[in-house]
Every structure is written in structure tokens, then in C-alpha cells.
Amino acid sequence: MVTLEDVARQAGVSLATASRVLNGSTRQVGAGLRAKVERAADELGYRANIAAQTLARGASNVIGIVVHDLTDPYFAALADGVMRAAAGEGLLVMVGTTHRDPEQEIAYVATLNAQRVRAVLLAGSRVDDPEVTGRLRGELGRYLDTGGRVACVGQDLLDVDTVAPANREGAAALARSLAGLGHTRFAVLAGPPGLMTAADRCAGFRDALLAEGLPEPVVIHGPFDRDGGHAAARETGAATCVFAVNDVMAVGALASYRERGISVPGDVSVAGFDDIATLRDHTPALTTVRLPLADMGARALGLALAARDKPVVEHVTGEVVLRESVRALA
């Protein structure tokens, strides 16, 4: 690998001079020396280090993204979309994870503000707590007042640019599709009652069933993760079809049924929400509502980098994808 030292040696200049030319320092270098360094870099095939450029320029080329759980493929896909888009803009991305603690999210925003990053992206559901949401909005306001930029993936509650997935509508479309397969007895693995994404998906699914003239589904609350789905699947009773409000919970439910010798979809059908890529080859393949997760991350970055007077909201529609984890009833 060609190093900056190799370029400096080839150009016959100091390492500091080569760094100023190639790592984006604001300190000026004479045209003659700059040409020698750039020619040496081209001859050797040297590629500039974005991280080094960032250190030279300060934090103006840094984007901070704060997610709830980086081990969750939903957030990993969003972050990947941000990072790929940022690379195309010559930006460096810092990622923080809150482990679903709203206080941590507020603290991250304050820290990123202190570091004067160029933009802050927040990815994840809001909680049903106006006091917490108000404090986060206030912290974001202080950052915006310094010239920062903010975008959010989730509910439109923070007075910032937002990429808003259509959670209610997607869940409702899924409910109608499953009802069309002849199912009438449903259970919903609904996640925590105070998490707005989970609540919206549960409500959209339930309301669509009632509109179809079907009975209320059994609603089981629990953690918004694999273990939550695993535990909740033990309480689905006589339901012939189970909807988990995210794919990770659906994975836990599938594992629970498999451990107990319950066939999917022979004995019970299972569906999720998000269409995380790692589950497309799962057996049985999971029925779900597909969201363009990486694109949503890239769109959030685009919103954050664009200059405008008022926040905008981009709505993202989900697509029902029927796979082998559900079956039609005779």
C-alpha cells in the first residue's frame, strides 16, 4: 500500500507539506510544491485517507448518525445507506447507538453539537413521552441555531427534515393480504406499548382487520427484539396467523415455534415488517412489508445536506411481500 511518506519522498518534500496538499488542510502550499506532490501521488497511485482529511479540516466533514441498536439489521441497513451516500460526498460518518435509551439519544446530540459536526441524523422510533420528545427537540434546536443540519428517519415529531416510513399503511396492507388468504384468527407480537413505530404498526394491522369484519387480534406486548418475539410467540393461542411488528421479532417467533415442534406455515403462519436482507434466505422465507432501508438512510443524508428554510417530510411506502412463511387456508 502506498503511504503518504512514499509520496513525500517521491516529490522531494516534507511529510507535512504532502499532508497539507493531499489531506485537505486549510494551510496554503505554493503552486509549484502542490504540483510536485499531486504528480507524485498520481505516479504512485496514492489514495487520500478520508479520516486524515477530516482531522486536517476539523469536524465540518463529519456526519453523526445516532441509531437505537446497531446489532439490529434494520439500523445496520440504514447506517450502511448513510455511509455509502456519505462516501460519495467525501464525508466521514460517526455512528452512536443508544440501546433504545432516549436519554442517551439526547446526550449524543449534545456531544455532536459540541464537536461541531456538519449534520446529525437520528434513526429510530420516537417514544410516547412528550416530555422526552420536547427535550430532544430543544437539544436539536440548540444545534440548529449554530448552523447545524438535522434529519430524522421515523415519526415527524421533531420539527426537522424527516424520512417517514408509512408504518400504519404498510401494516394495514399486510393485514388485508393475510385476510385474503382466508385467515380470521390473528395475533400481533406488538413490541413495547410506548414505542411509536410498534404502536403504529399494531394499530394499522388491527384497524384493517376490523374494517374487513374480522375479530380483534390477540395483542401481546414485549421487547422489540428477537427475544421479545421468542417469548411472545408462546402466547399466541389459537391464532392461525401471527404478525410480528418487526422482522427481528418474527425471527424469534419462528425459533420458538421450531423449538416446540410447531410447523410454519403448516400449523401457524408468520409475518414481519421491514424486509431485512439477512432474512430473505431464511427457511421458511419470511412474509413481510418491504421498506427500502438503505435508500431511506441515503435520503435522510440528502435532506440533511440540502439548504432550505422549512423542514420537509418524505413519506416512504412499504410493499407487502408474500413468501413461504404464510399459507392460504382452505
Protein backbone atom coordinates (compact mmCIF):
# COMPACT_ATOMS: atom_id res chain seq x y z
CA MET A 1 0.00 0.00 0.00
CA VAL A 2 1.35 3.41 -1.00
CA THR A 3 1.75 5.69 2.01
CA LEU A 4 1.88 9.45 2.41
CA GLU A 5 5.56 9.06 3.30
CA ASP A 6 6.16 7.42 -0.10
CA VAL A 7 4.54 10.37 -1.86
CA ALA A 8 6.60 12.89 0.12
CA ARG A 9 9.81 11.03 -0.71
CA GLN A 10 8.91 10.81 -4.42
CA ALA A 11 8.06 14.52 -4.56
CA GLY A 12 11.11 15.55 -2.55
CA VAL A 13 9.06 17.45 0.02
CA SER A 14 8.43 17.13 3.74
CA LEU A 15 5.73 14.82 5.09
CA ALA A 16 3.91 17.90 6.45
CA THR A 17 3.79 19.50 3.01
CA ALA A 18 2.48 16.33 1.37
CA SER A 19 -0.17 16.05 4.07
CA ARG A 20 -1.30 19.65 3.56
CA VAL A 21 -1.76 19.03 -0.15
CA LEU A 22 -3.44 15.64 -0.02
CA ASN A 23 -5.36 15.73 3.26
CA GLY A 24 -7.24 18.96 2.68
CA SER A 25 -5.51 21.28 5.14
CA THR A 26 -6.60 24.90 5.02
CA ARG A 27 -2.92 25.96 5.18
CA GLN A 28 -1.68 27.15 1.80
CA VAL A 29 1.04 25.39 -0.18
CA GLY A 30 2.80 27.03 -3.12
CA ALA A 31 1.65 26.08 -6.60
CA GLY A 32 4.99 24.53 -7.52
CA LEU A 33 5.16 22.28 -4.47
CA ARG A 34 1.46 21.37 -4.82
CA ALA A 35 2.03 20.29 -8.43
CA LYS A 36 5.02 18.12 -7.42
CA VAL A 37 3.03 16.38 -4.66
CA GLU A 38 0.00 15.79 -6.86
CA ARG A 39 2.18 14.42 -9.68
CA ALA A 40 3.94 12.04 -7.27
CA ALA A 41 0.60 10.87 -5.87
CA ASP A 42 -0.65 10.13 -9.39
CA GLU A 43 2.52 8.26 -10.34
CA LEU A 44 2.38 6.09 -7.21
CA GLY A 45 -1.41 5.57 -7.24
CA TYR A 46 -1.83 7.10 -3.79
CA ARG A 47 -5.40 7.37 -2.46
CA ALA A 48 -6.14 10.04 0.13
CA ASN A 49 -7.35 8.94 3.55
CA ILE A 50 -10.76 10.48 4.29
CA ALA A 51 -10.22 10.15 8.03
CA ALA A 52 -6.94 12.04 7.77
CA GLN A 53 -8.61 14.73 5.68
CA THR A 54 -11.25 15.11 8.34
CA LEU A 55 -8.66 15.58 11.07
CA ALA A 56 -6.95 18.21 8.96
CA ARG A 57 -10.11 20.16 8.18
CA GLY A 58 -11.88 19.85 11.53
CA ALA A 59 -15.37 18.41 12.01
CA SER A 60 -17.04 20.15 9.06
CA ASN A 61 -16.86 16.96 7.02
CA VAL A 62 -18.24 14.69 9.76
CA ILE A 63 -21.80 13.35 9.85
CA GLY A 64 -23.11 11.90 13.10
CA ILE A 65 -25.78 9.18 12.92
CA VAL A 66 -27.49 8.01 16.09
CA VAL A 67 -29.36 4.68 15.98
CA HIS A 68 -31.18 2.62 18.57
CA ASP A 69 -29.40 -0.71 18.14
CA LEU A 70 -26.58 -1.30 15.66
CA THR A 71 -26.90 -5.08 16.06
CA ASP A 72 -30.44 -4.84 14.64
CA PRO A 73 -30.22 -5.36 10.84
CA TYR A 74 -32.83 -2.60 10.35
CA PHE A 75 -30.47 0.02 11.75
CA ALA A 76 -27.40 -1.57 10.17
CA ALA A 77 -29.05 -1.22 6.74
CA LEU A 78 -29.99 2.41 7.40
CA ALA A 79 -26.46 3.22 8.57
CA ASP A 80 -24.98 1.47 5.53
CA GLY A 81 -27.13 3.62 3.26
CA VAL A 82 -25.89 6.75 5.02
CA MET A 83 -22.25 5.66 4.83
CA ARG A 84 -22.37 4.82 1.13
CA ALA A 85 -24.00 8.15 0.32
CA ALA A 86 -21.55 10.00 2.57
CA ALA A 87 -18.56 8.38 0.87
CA GLY A 88 -19.75 9.80 -2.43
CA GLU A 89 -19.70 13.27 -0.84
CA GLY A 90 -16.28 12.85 0.76
CA LEU A 91 -17.80 12.79 4.24
CA LEU A 92 -16.87 10.75 7.28
CA VAL A 93 -19.63 9.14 9.38
CA MET A 94 -19.59 8.65 13.14
CA VAL A 95 -22.15 6.16 14.49
CA GLY A 96 -23.58 6.11 18.00
CA THR A 97 -26.03 3.60 19.43
CA THR A 98 -28.46 4.40 22.24
CA HIS A 99 -29.60 0.87 23.12
CA ARG A 100 -33.12 2.34 22.95
CA ASP A 101 -32.44 4.78 25.80
CA PRO A 102 -33.96 8.22 24.95
CA GLU A 103 -31.63 9.91 27.43
CA GLN A 104 -28.65 8.55 25.53
CA GLU A 105 -30.06 9.96 22.31
CA ILE A 106 -30.28 13.43 23.83
CA ALA A 107 -26.74 13.10 25.18
CA TYR A 108 -25.40 12.10 21.76
CA VAL A 109 -26.97 15.15 20.13
CA ALA A 110 -25.37 17.42 22.76
CA THR A 111 -21.97 15.78 22.23
CA LEU A 112 -22.17 16.02 18.44
CA ASN A 113 -23.15 19.68 18.79
CA ALA A 114 -20.09 20.30 20.97
CA GLN A 115 -17.93 18.66 18.29
CA ARG A 116 -19.48 20.93 15.62
CA VAL A 117 -20.23 18.12 13.20
CA ARG A 118 -21.76 19.11 9.89
CA ALA A 119 -25.04 17.22 10.32
CA VAL A 120 -26.81 14.89 12.73
CA LEU A 121 -29.06 12.03 11.60
CA LEU A 122 -31.43 10.29 14.03
CA ALA A 123 -32.76 6.86 13.05
CA GLY A 124 -35.41 5.10 15.08
CA SER A 125 -38.84 5.33 16.62
CA ARG A 126 -39.92 8.11 18.92
CA VAL A 127 -41.29 7.15 22.33
CA ASP A 128 -44.75 8.13 23.52
CA ASP A 129 -43.38 10.63 26.04
CA PRO A 130 -43.96 14.32 25.21
CA GLU A 131 -41.52 15.48 27.90
CA VAL A 132 -38.63 13.42 26.47
CA THR A 133 -39.52 14.39 22.90
CA GLY A 134 -39.62 18.05 23.95
CA ARG A 135 -36.16 17.90 25.49
CA LEU A 136 -34.74 16.20 22.39
CA ARG A 137 -36.38 18.85 20.20
CA GLY A 138 -34.79 21.53 22.39
CA GLU A 139 -31.34 19.97 22.11
CA LEU A 140 -31.71 19.74 18.34
CA GLY A 141 -32.82 23.38 18.29
CA ARG A 142 -29.62 24.47 20.03
CA TYR A 143 -27.59 22.58 17.44
CA LEU A 144 -29.59 24.05 14.55
CA ASP A 145 -29.06 27.54 15.96
CA THR A 146 -25.31 27.07 15.49
CA GLY A 147 -25.78 26.28 11.80
CA GLY A 148 -26.00 22.50 12.10
CA ARG A 149 -28.26 20.35 9.95
CA VAL A 150 -30.55 17.55 11.16
CA ALA A 151 -32.63 14.82 9.54
CA CYS A 152 -34.62 12.00 11.09
CA VAL A 153 -35.80 8.57 9.97
CA GLY A 154 -39.03 7.91 11.86
CA GLN A 155 -42.03 9.88 13.04
CA ASP A 156 -42.40 13.53 12.07
CA LEU A 157 -42.28 14.94 15.62
CA LEU A 158 -39.00 16.84 15.88
CA ASP A 159 -39.54 19.82 13.54
CA VAL A 160 -36.66 18.67 11.31
CA ASP A 161 -36.35 17.10 7.86
CA THR A 162 -37.80 13.60 8.13
CA VAL A 163 -37.94 10.37 6.15
CA ALA A 164 -41.18 8.88 7.45
CA PRO A 165 -42.00 5.23 6.71
CA ALA A 166 -45.73 4.56 6.29
CA ASN A 167 -45.97 2.14 9.21
CA ARG A 168 -49.75 2.15 9.66
CA GLU A 169 -50.44 1.89 5.95
CA GLY A 170 -47.94 -0.92 5.42
CA ALA A 171 -49.31 -2.97 8.30
CA ALA A 172 -52.87 -2.41 7.06
CA ALA A 173 -51.96 -3.62 3.57
CA LEU A 174 -50.36 -6.72 5.09
CA ALA A 175 -53.47 -7.42 7.18
CA ARG A 176 -55.68 -7.25 4.09
CA SER A 177 -53.36 -9.59 2.18
CA LEU A 178 -53.36 -12.15 5.01
CA ALA A 179 -57.12 -11.91 5.43
CA GLY A 180 -57.40 -12.55 1.71
CA LEU A 181 -55.68 -15.90 2.28
CA GLY A 182 -58.58 -16.97 4.50
CA HIS A 183 -57.13 -16.24 7.94
CA THR A 184 -59.57 -14.99 10.57
CA ARG A 185 -57.73 -15.64 13.86
CA PHE A 186 -54.73 -13.35 14.26
CA ALA A 187 -52.18 -12.49 16.93
CA VAL A 188 -49.87 -9.47 16.94
CA LEU A 189 -46.45 -9.52 18.59
CA ALA A 190 -46.73 -5.82 19.30
CA GLY A 191 -43.46 -4.78 20.93
CA PRO A 192 -43.40 -2.18 23.74
CA PRO A 193 -46.61 -0.16 24.11
CA GLY A 194 -44.72 3.14 24.36
CA LEU A 195 -42.71 2.74 21.15
CA MET A 196 -44.49 4.67 18.41
CA THR A 197 -43.32 2.58 15.44
CA ALA A 198 -44.56 -0.58 17.14
CA ALA A 199 -47.83 1.09 18.15
CA ASP A 200 -48.46 2.45 14.65
CA ARG A 201 -47.88 -0.93 13.02
CA CYS A 202 -50.06 -2.72 15.55
CA ALA A 203 -52.87 -0.17 15.14
CA GLY A 204 -52.73 -0.25 11.35
CA PHE A 205 -52.94 -4.04 11.32
CA ARG A 206 -55.78 -4.16 13.87
CA ASP A 207 -57.84 -1.44 12.21
CA ALA A 208 -57.58 -3.12 8.81
CA LEU A 209 -58.80 -6.43 10.26
CA LEU A 210 -61.78 -4.73 11.88
CA ALA A 211 -62.56 -2.97 8.60
CA GLU A 212 -62.65 -6.41 6.97
CA GLY A 213 -65.22 -7.51 9.54
CA LEU A 214 -62.77 -9.82 11.30
CA PRO A 215 -62.34 -10.29 15.06
CA GLU A 216 -59.86 -8.30 17.14
CA PRO A 217 -56.40 -9.86 17.05
CA VAL A 218 -54.72 -11.07 20.22
CA VAL A 219 -52.12 -8.41 21.08
CA ILE A 220 -49.02 -9.43 23.02
CA HIS A 221 -46.57 -6.75 24.17
CA GLY A 222 -42.89 -7.32 24.86
CA PRO A 223 -39.36 -6.23 23.91
CA PHE A 224 -38.79 -5.03 20.34
CA ASP A 225 -36.14 -7.67 19.61
CA ARG A 226 -35.55 -11.34 18.87
CA ASP A 227 -36.03 -12.46 22.46
CA GLY A 228 -39.22 -10.43 22.73
CA GLY A 229 -40.64 -12.24 19.71
CA HIS A 230 -39.50 -15.60 21.07
CA ALA A 231 -41.29 -15.08 24.38
CA ALA A 232 -44.43 -13.54 22.87
CA ALA A 233 -44.87 -16.46 20.45
CA ARG A 234 -45.76 -18.66 23.43
CA GLU A 235 -48.91 -16.60 24.00
CA THR A 236 -50.47 -16.62 20.54
CA GLY A 237 -53.07 -19.23 21.48
CA ALA A 238 -55.31 -20.46 18.68
CA ALA A 239 -54.22 -17.86 16.12
CA THR A 240 -53.62 -19.25 12.65
CA CYS A 241 -51.58 -16.22 11.60
CA VAL A 242 -49.10 -14.16 13.67
CA PHE A 243 -47.87 -10.69 12.75
CA ALA A 244 -44.65 -9.51 14.41
CA VAL A 245 -44.24 -5.75 14.15
CA ASN A 246 -40.64 -6.13 13.01
CA ASP A 247 -38.67 -8.89 11.28
CA VAL A 248 -36.32 -9.43 14.21
CA MET A 249 -39.26 -10.32 16.47
CA ALA A 250 -40.57 -12.59 13.72
CA VAL A 251 -37.23 -14.46 13.77
CA GLY A 252 -37.65 -15.03 17.50
CA ALA A 253 -41.19 -16.32 16.93
CA LEU A 254 -40.00 -18.71 14.21
CA ALA A 255 -37.35 -20.07 16.57
CA SER A 256 -39.91 -20.50 19.35
CA TYR A 257 -42.28 -22.45 17.12
CA ARG A 258 -39.46 -24.60 15.75
CA GLU A 259 -38.26 -25.50 19.26
CA ARG A 260 -41.77 -26.62 20.18
CA GLY A 261 -42.35 -28.66 17.04
CA ILE A 262 -44.93 -26.21 15.64
CA SER A 263 -44.78 -26.11 11.85
CA VAL A 264 -44.57 -22.79 9.98
CA PRO A 265 -46.65 -22.37 7.91
CA GLY A 266 -48.31 -25.76 8.39
CA ASP A 267 -49.64 -25.04 11.88
CA VAL A 268 -49.30 -21.26 12.02
CA SER A 269 -48.39 -18.57 9.51
CA VAL A 270 -45.89 -15.84 10.49
CA ALA A 271 -45.26 -12.39 9.00
CA GLY A 272 -42.97 -9.50 9.90
CA PHE A 273 -42.19 -5.94 8.84
CA ASP A 274 -39.07 -4.28 7.28
CA ASP A 275 -37.67 -6.98 4.92
CA ILE A 276 -34.17 -7.01 6.33
CA ALA A 277 -31.82 -8.56 3.79
CA THR A 278 -30.41 -11.25 6.08
CA LEU A 279 -33.83 -12.96 6.27
CA ARG A 280 -34.53 -13.31 2.57
CA ASP A 281 -32.81 -16.71 2.54
CA HIS A 282 -34.37 -17.85 5.82
CA THR A 283 -36.33 -21.11 5.80
CA PRO A 284 -39.21 -20.66 5.51
CA ALA A 285 -38.72 -17.33 3.73
CA LEU A 286 -40.45 -14.62 5.74
CA THR A 287 -43.54 -12.77 4.55
CA THR A 288 -43.08 -9.11 5.39
CA VAL A 289 -43.54 -5.46 4.43
CA ARG A 290 -40.53 -4.26 2.48
CA LEU A 291 -39.00 -0.88 3.24
CA PRO A 292 -36.08 0.44 1.14
CA LEU A 293 -33.86 0.75 4.21
CA ALA A 294 -30.52 1.68 2.63
CA ASP A 295 -32.29 4.20 0.37
CA MET A 296 -34.03 5.70 3.40
CA GLY A 297 -30.63 6.29 5.03
CA ALA A 298 -29.27 7.91 1.86
CA ARG A 299 -32.39 10.08 1.54
CA ALA A 300 -32.00 11.26 5.14
CA LEU A 301 -28.42 12.34 4.43
CA GLY A 302 -29.56 14.15 1.29
CA LEU A 303 -32.17 16.05 3.28
CA ALA A 304 -29.64 16.99 5.95
CA LEU A 305 -27.16 18.35 3.41
CA ALA A 306 -29.70 20.41 1.47
CA ALA A 307 -30.19 24.03 2.50
CA ARG A 308 -33.84 25.05 3.00
CA ASP A 309 -35.89 27.36 5.17
CA LYS A 310 -38.51 24.87 6.37
CA PRO A 311 -38.31 21.17 7.23
CA VAL A 312 -39.68 18.71 4.69
CA VAL A 313 -41.13 15.24 5.20
CA GLU A 314 -40.56 12.47 2.67
CA HIS A 315 -43.05 9.63 3.09
CA VAL A 316 -41.88 6.11 2.24
CA THR A 317 -44.44 3.47 1.29
CA GLY A 318 -43.91 -0.18 2.19
CA GLU A 319 -44.54 -3.12 -0.13
CA VAL A 320 -46.18 -6.36 1.00
CA VAL A 321 -44.02 -9.36 0.07
CA LEU A 322 -45.74 -12.74 0.45
CA ARG A 323 -43.34 -15.63 0.99
CA GLU A 324 -43.36 -19.21 2.28
CA SER A 325 -43.93 -18.39 5.97
CA VAL A 326 -47.67 -17.92 5.31
CA ARG A 327 -50.16 -20.19 3.60
CA ALA A 328 -53.71 -19.91 2.36
CA LEU A 329 -56.37 -21.66 4.39
CA ALA A 330 -58.77 -23.96 2.52
